Amino acid sequence: MRAEALKGHLDALILGVLEDGPLHGYAIIEQLKQRSGGSLDLPEGTVYPALHRLEAAGQLASTWSDGARRRRVYRLTAKGERELGQRRREWSTFVKAIDAVLAT
């Protein structure tokens, strides 16, 4: 999948992955890849800036994990949950409109 196709959707995809629970950055990348059947094989340089942007916007919060390998673990905030709901409604409306135009 081309990077241009993701513009405007990456934040919602990350929020959607984190809805199931907290994950560190690499696990988020792997979930995006797995859930998309390999179509969303995104580099760290694409995902980590989005994680930082979402955290700065108050939609994610992060903590450092305990253990042998310290990792930053991200989780949805209440604001992030609301944003995810809004993004889902917008996506549903968008898909219906595009289907109505492109349906044969």
Protein backbone atom coordinates (compact mmCIF):
# COMPACT_ATOMS: atom_id res chain seq x y z
CA MET A 1 0.00 0.00 0.00
CA ARG A 2 1.34 3.41 -0.93
CA ALA A 3 2.08 5.87 1.88
CA GLU A 4 -0.09 8.51 0.21
CA ALA A 5 -3.13 6.26 0.71
CA LEU A 6 -2.63 6.38 4.47
CA LYS A 7 -2.53 10.14 4.82
CA GLY A 8 -5.21 11.22 7.21
CA HIS A 9 -5.91 7.65 8.37
CA LEU A 10 -2.81 6.57 10.28
CA ASP A 11 -3.89 8.20 13.54
CA ALA A 12 -7.23 6.40 13.46
CA LEU A 13 -5.52 3.09 12.67
CA ILE A 14 -3.19 3.47 15.65
CA LEU A 15 -6.09 4.40 17.93
CA GLY A 16 -7.95 1.34 16.69
CA VAL A 17 -5.05 -0.99 17.45
CA LEU A 18 -4.69 0.43 20.96
CA GLU A 19 -8.37 -0.02 21.70
CA ASP A 20 -7.58 -3.63 22.65
CA GLY A 21 -5.03 -2.55 25.26
CA PRO A 22 -1.64 -0.95 25.79
CA LEU A 23 1.23 -1.82 23.43
CA HIS A 24 4.78 -0.67 22.79
CA GLY A 25 5.66 0.88 19.44
CA TYR A 26 7.00 -2.21 17.72
CA ALA A 27 3.95 -4.22 18.80
CA ILE A 28 1.71 -1.51 17.30
CA ILE A 29 3.60 -1.80 14.01
CA GLU A 30 3.22 -5.58 14.08
CA GLN A 31 -0.52 -5.36 14.85
CA LEU A 32 -1.07 -2.98 11.94
CA LYS A 33 0.76 -5.41 9.66
CA GLN A 34 -1.03 -8.49 10.99
CA ARG A 35 -4.54 -7.02 11.01
CA SER A 36 -4.13 -5.70 7.47
CA GLY A 37 -2.90 -9.00 6.08
CA GLY A 38 0.52 -7.47 5.47
CA SER A 39 -0.74 -4.42 3.56
CA LEU A 40 0.25 -2.03 6.33
CA ASP A 41 3.93 -2.86 6.74
CA LEU A 42 4.93 0.55 8.04
CA PRO A 43 8.40 1.72 8.98
CA GLU A 44 9.17 2.99 12.47
CA GLY A 45 9.82 6.42 10.96
CA THR A 46 6.15 6.61 10.01
CA VAL A 47 4.58 5.21 13.17
CA TYR A 48 6.65 6.78 15.96
CA PRO A 49 6.04 10.40 14.90
CA ALA A 50 2.31 9.60 14.83
CA LEU A 51 2.52 8.13 18.34
CA HIS A 52 4.25 11.27 19.59
CA ARG A 53 1.68 13.49 17.85
CA LEU A 54 -1.23 11.53 19.37
CA GLU A 55 0.34 11.71 22.81
CA ALA A 56 0.90 15.46 22.47
CA ALA A 57 -2.78 15.81 21.51
CA GLY A 58 -3.81 13.96 24.67
CA GLN A 59 -5.25 10.99 22.80
CA LEU A 60 -2.55 8.61 24.04
CA ALA A 61 -0.58 8.34 27.24
CA SER A 62 2.65 6.42 27.68
CA THR A 63 4.71 4.90 30.45
CA TRP A 64 7.98 3.03 30.53
CA SER A 65 7.64 -0.72 30.98
CA ASP A 66 9.47 -2.58 33.69
CA GLY A 67 11.68 -5.46 32.77
CA ALA A 68 14.95 -6.31 31.12
CA ARG A 69 14.15 -4.23 28.06
CA ARG A 70 12.57 -0.88 28.81
CA ARG A 71 9.97 0.09 26.25
CA ARG A 72 7.53 2.94 26.03
CA VAL A 73 4.03 1.51 26.27
CA TYR A 74 1.14 3.51 24.80
CA ARG A 75 -2.51 3.40 25.83
CA LEU A 76 -5.66 5.20 24.79
CA THR A 77 -6.90 8.03 26.97
CA ALA A 78 -10.57 8.95 27.33
CA LYS A 79 -9.96 11.67 24.74
CA GLY A 80 -8.44 9.06 22.41
CA GLU A 81 -11.47 6.79 22.85
CA ARG A 82 -13.78 9.66 21.90
CA GLU A 83 -11.61 10.51 18.90
CA LEU A 84 -11.66 6.87 17.77
CA GLY A 85 -15.45 6.84 17.91
CA GLN A 86 -15.60 10.02 15.85
CA ARG A 87 -13.12 8.67 13.31
CA ARG A 88 -15.17 5.47 12.94
CA ARG A 89 -18.34 7.45 12.25
CA GLU A 90 -16.53 9.60 9.69
CA TRP A 91 -15.01 6.51 8.03
CA SER A 92 -18.40 4.82 7.78
CA THR A 93 -19.91 7.89 6.12
CA PHE A 94 -16.94 8.16 3.75
CA VAL A 95 -17.11 4.49 2.72
CA LYS A 96 -20.86 4.70 2.05
CA ALA A 97 -20.39 7.78 -0.11
CA ILE A 98 -17.53 6.25 -2.12
CA ASP A 99 -19.42 2.96 -2.55
CA ALA A 100 -22.44 4.87 -3.82
CA VAL A 101 -20.31 6.57 -6.46
CA LEU A 102 -18.15 3.60 -7.48
CA ALA A 103 -20.71 0.80 -7.27
CA THR A 104 -21.56 -0.75 -10.57
